[in-house]
Amino acid sequence: MRFRNISRRGVALLAVVLAGSMAIPAFAQTQAAGAAEEWITRLASPDTAPDIDVAALKQAATDRIKARSKADAAPLKRAPIAPELLKLPQIAADIQFDEDGAVVRPESYRTLGRIADTLSHPSLWAYKFLIVGHTASTGRRENNLTLSQRRADVIRDIMVNTFKISGKRLQSLGLGEEQMLDNNRPTAPVNAQFQLMTVGKAP
């Protein structure tokens, strides 16, 4: 009888554990859905700015680094290279790359998938977007600018080739450390995040 009682308790305990483990994915899905809705709301703004001249912004970043002005030598003293971008509807995300490289680490593909799902939402079909890459203030500025452009290009390629987002809706821009997300902490990892911005109506 004692053995039977223990067995029944064990079965009951197992049922509770299994029920709890089944509830976790459902809760996680609810959180993910909430985050996706928040991203959609942020990007689907009626105040979308006119088209951004990406080529001009790339050139401006390159020219500032070549100028080597004393006024912007220290990260804390640098004015935003593209202040017009600060007003655009946008989200920021942390995508992990190989160190000093432009290969996305496997653990970041889930985040990229969520972004692709966001871009595929019907309320965003009418828009096009700019993928903006950044780096923290470590190493050489010109190398950081090149690296951020390579990474932004890779994210765009993954969106187009892996997740089948139309290339006509996506542009990429690397700003290196010329427009950091946290100027007060130039070497902080947050400055290596990338941004996705709504820049106009899709063709």
Protein backbone atom coordinates (compact mmCIF):
# COMPACT_ATOMS: atom_id res chain seq x y z
CA MET A 1 0.00 0.00 0.00
CA ARG A 2 2.81 2.44 0.89
CA PHE A 3 4.48 1.76 -2.49
CA ARG A 4 1.18 2.47 -4.28
CA ASN A 5 0.75 5.76 -2.41
CA ILE A 6 4.26 6.87 -3.37
CA SER A 7 3.60 5.95 -6.98
CA ARG A 8 0.41 7.96 -7.06
CA ARG A 9 2.15 10.94 -5.53
CA GLY A 10 4.94 10.58 -8.06
CA VAL A 11 2.46 10.50 -10.92
CA ALA A 12 0.66 13.56 -9.56
CA LEU A 13 3.93 15.44 -9.15
CA LEU A 14 4.97 14.49 -12.68
CA ALA A 15 1.65 15.79 -14.02
CA VAL A 16 2.18 19.14 -12.27
CA VAL A 17 5.72 19.44 -13.66
CA LEU A 18 4.58 18.59 -17.18
CA ALA A 19 1.71 21.07 -16.97
CA GLY A 20 4.12 23.77 -15.86
CA SER A 21 6.59 23.00 -18.63
CA MET A 22 3.80 23.17 -21.21
CA ALA A 23 2.75 26.58 -19.90
CA ILE A 24 6.22 28.10 -20.34
CA PRO A 25 6.29 28.06 -24.15
CA ALA A 26 2.78 29.55 -24.27
CA PHE A 27 3.89 32.38 -21.99
CA ALA A 28 7.03 32.90 -24.07
CA GLN A 29 4.93 33.06 -27.22
CA THR A 30 2.71 35.69 -25.60
CA GLN A 31 5.77 37.78 -24.71
CA ALA A 32 7.17 37.46 -28.22
CA ALA A 33 3.83 38.44 -29.74
CA GLY A 34 3.70 41.48 -27.48
CA ALA A 35 7.19 42.54 -28.49
CA ALA A 36 6.35 42.11 -32.18
CA GLU A 37 3.24 44.27 -31.82
CA GLU A 38 5.33 46.95 -30.10
CA TRP A 39 7.84 46.93 -32.97
CA ILE A 40 5.05 47.20 -35.54
CA THR A 41 3.56 50.15 -33.70
CA ARG A 42 6.91 51.91 -33.50
CA LEU A 43 7.67 51.47 -37.19
CA ALA A 44 4.21 52.13 -38.65
CA SER A 45 4.22 55.83 -37.93
CA PRO A 46 2.13 58.33 -39.91
CA ASP A 47 4.94 60.89 -39.45
CA THR A 48 7.35 59.08 -41.74
CA ALA A 49 10.01 61.44 -43.08
CA PRO A 50 10.87 61.84 -46.77
CA ASP A 51 13.44 59.55 -48.34
CA ILE A 52 16.95 59.69 -46.86
CA ASP A 53 19.98 60.13 -49.14
CA VAL A 54 21.96 57.08 -48.00
CA ALA A 55 24.86 57.68 -50.38
CA ALA A 56 25.30 61.23 -49.05
CA LEU A 57 25.31 60.00 -45.45
CA LYS A 58 27.97 57.40 -46.26
CA GLN A 59 30.12 60.07 -47.84
CA ALA A 60 29.63 62.45 -44.90
CA ALA A 61 30.82 59.81 -42.43
CA THR A 62 33.88 59.03 -44.57
CA ASP A 63 34.72 62.71 -45.02
CA ARG A 64 34.52 63.44 -41.30
CA ILE A 65 36.94 60.65 -40.45
CA LYS A 66 39.37 61.81 -43.14
CA ALA A 67 39.20 65.39 -41.89
CA ARG A 68 40.55 64.37 -38.45
CA SER A 69 39.12 67.51 -36.89
CA LYS A 70 40.23 68.17 -33.31
CA ALA A 71 36.70 69.27 -32.52
CA ASP A 72 35.34 65.75 -32.92
CA ALA A 73 38.42 63.71 -32.05
CA ALA A 74 36.93 62.46 -28.76
CA PRO A 75 33.68 60.45 -29.01
CA LEU A 76 31.96 62.61 -26.37
CA LYS A 77 32.51 65.73 -28.50
CA ARG A 78 31.19 64.38 -31.76
CA ALA A 79 27.90 65.73 -33.03
CA PRO A 80 25.58 63.19 -34.71
CA ILE A 81 26.69 62.68 -38.30
CA ALA A 82 23.07 62.21 -39.42
CA PRO A 83 20.76 64.02 -36.98
CA GLU A 84 17.84 63.59 -39.39
CA LEU A 85 17.85 59.88 -38.59
CA LEU A 86 17.11 60.54 -34.92
CA LYS A 87 13.58 61.68 -35.79
CA LEU A 88 12.61 58.61 -37.79
CA PRO A 89 10.37 55.80 -36.47
CA GLN A 90 12.80 53.09 -35.39
CA ILE A 91 13.72 50.12 -33.26
CA ALA A 92 17.11 48.91 -32.02
CA ALA A 93 18.21 45.29 -31.77
CA ASP A 94 21.28 43.42 -30.59
CA ILE A 95 22.70 41.12 -33.27
CA GLN A 96 25.80 39.13 -32.36
CA PHE A 97 28.59 38.86 -34.94
CA ASP A 98 31.93 37.12 -34.95
CA GLU A 99 34.51 39.37 -33.34
CA ASP A 100 35.76 41.99 -35.81
CA GLY A 101 33.78 40.21 -38.52
CA ALA A 102 30.48 40.31 -40.37
CA VAL A 103 29.30 36.75 -39.78
CA VAL A 104 26.07 36.58 -37.76
CA ARG A 105 26.22 34.14 -34.87
CA PRO A 106 23.54 31.40 -34.87
CA GLU A 107 21.88 32.62 -31.67
CA SER A 108 20.93 35.90 -33.38
CA TYR A 109 18.86 34.32 -36.15
CA ARG A 110 15.83 34.18 -33.86
CA THR A 111 15.98 37.97 -33.47
CA LEU A 112 16.40 38.39 -37.22
CA GLY A 113 13.39 36.15 -37.74
CA ARG A 114 11.29 38.34 -35.44
CA ILE A 115 12.38 41.39 -37.41
CA ALA A 116 11.43 39.68 -40.66
CA ASP A 117 8.02 38.81 -39.20
CA THR A 118 7.61 42.46 -38.23
CA LEU A 119 8.47 43.67 -41.73
CA SER A 120 6.01 41.13 -43.16
CA HIS A 121 3.07 42.52 -41.19
CA PRO A 122 0.39 43.95 -43.51
CA SER A 123 0.46 47.35 -41.79
CA LEU A 124 4.12 47.75 -42.83
CA TRP A 125 3.86 46.56 -46.44
CA ALA A 126 3.67 50.13 -47.70
CA TYR A 127 6.97 51.20 -46.13
CA LYS A 128 10.65 50.86 -46.86
CA PHE A 129 13.36 50.72 -44.22
CA LEU A 130 16.96 51.60 -43.50
CA ILE A 131 19.23 49.18 -41.64
CA VAL A 132 21.83 51.22 -39.73
CA GLY A 133 24.93 49.56 -38.32
CA HIS A 134 27.02 50.96 -35.47
CA THR A 135 30.11 50.04 -33.47
CA ALA A 136 31.48 50.92 -30.07
CA SER A 137 34.43 53.32 -29.92
CA THR A 138 37.22 50.76 -29.91
CA GLY A 139 39.95 50.41 -32.52
CA ARG A 140 40.37 52.67 -35.56
CA ARG A 141 37.46 54.86 -36.61
CA GLU A 142 37.82 54.09 -40.32
CA ASN A 143 37.87 50.35 -39.63
CA ASN A 144 34.75 50.67 -37.48
CA LEU A 145 32.97 52.54 -40.26
CA THR A 146 33.80 49.80 -42.78
CA LEU A 147 32.85 47.03 -40.34
CA SER A 148 29.49 48.62 -39.54
CA GLN A 149 28.68 48.89 -43.26
CA ARG A 150 29.61 45.25 -43.85
CA ARG A 151 27.40 44.16 -40.97
CA ALA A 152 24.47 46.29 -42.10
CA ASP A 153 24.84 44.79 -45.60
CA VAL A 154 24.86 41.27 -44.15
CA ILE A 155 21.67 41.89 -42.19
CA ARG A 156 20.02 43.21 -45.34
CA ASP A 157 21.20 40.16 -47.31
CA ILE A 158 19.77 37.82 -44.67
CA MET A 159 16.44 39.63 -44.72
CA VAL A 160 16.28 39.37 -48.52
CA ASN A 161 17.79 35.94 -49.18
CA THR A 162 16.79 33.98 -46.08
CA PHE A 163 13.53 35.62 -45.01
CA LYS A 164 12.39 36.75 -48.49
CA ILE A 165 11.80 40.42 -47.66
CA SER A 166 11.78 42.47 -50.87
CA GLY A 167 15.14 44.13 -51.49
CA LYS A 168 13.27 47.18 -52.80
CA ARG A 169 12.11 47.84 -49.25
CA LEU A 170 15.54 47.73 -47.60
CA GLN A 171 18.67 49.88 -47.65
CA SER A 172 21.75 49.56 -45.45
CA LEU A 173 24.03 52.16 -43.89
CA GLY A 174 27.07 51.82 -41.63
CA LEU A 175 27.89 54.71 -39.33
CA GLY A 176 30.61 53.07 -37.25
CA GLU A 177 31.18 55.14 -34.13
CA GLU A 178 30.08 58.40 -35.79
CA GLN A 179 26.59 58.31 -34.28
CA MET A 180 26.66 56.18 -31.16
CA LEU A 181 23.56 55.10 -29.29
CA ASP A 182 25.12 56.03 -25.94
CA ASN A 183 27.63 58.87 -26.26
CA ASN A 184 28.27 58.90 -22.52
CA ARG A 185 29.66 55.34 -22.69
CA PRO A 186 31.58 55.18 -25.98
CA THR A 187 32.92 51.65 -25.45
CA ALA A 188 29.66 50.13 -24.13
CA PRO A 189 28.21 47.13 -26.04
CA VAL A 190 24.94 49.01 -26.59
CA ASN A 191 26.77 51.07 -29.22
CA ALA A 192 27.19 47.95 -31.37
CA GLN A 193 23.44 47.49 -31.77
CA PHE A 194 21.84 48.11 -35.13
CA GLN A 195 18.75 50.16 -35.87
CA LEU A 196 15.87 49.61 -38.23
CA MET A 197 14.23 52.84 -39.39
CA THR A 198 11.17 53.64 -41.48
CA VAL A 199 12.35 55.99 -44.22
CA GLY A 200 9.45 56.34 -46.65
CA LYS A 201 6.91 54.64 -48.84
CA ALA A 202 7.89 51.48 -50.64
CA PRO A 203 7.94 51.63 -54.47
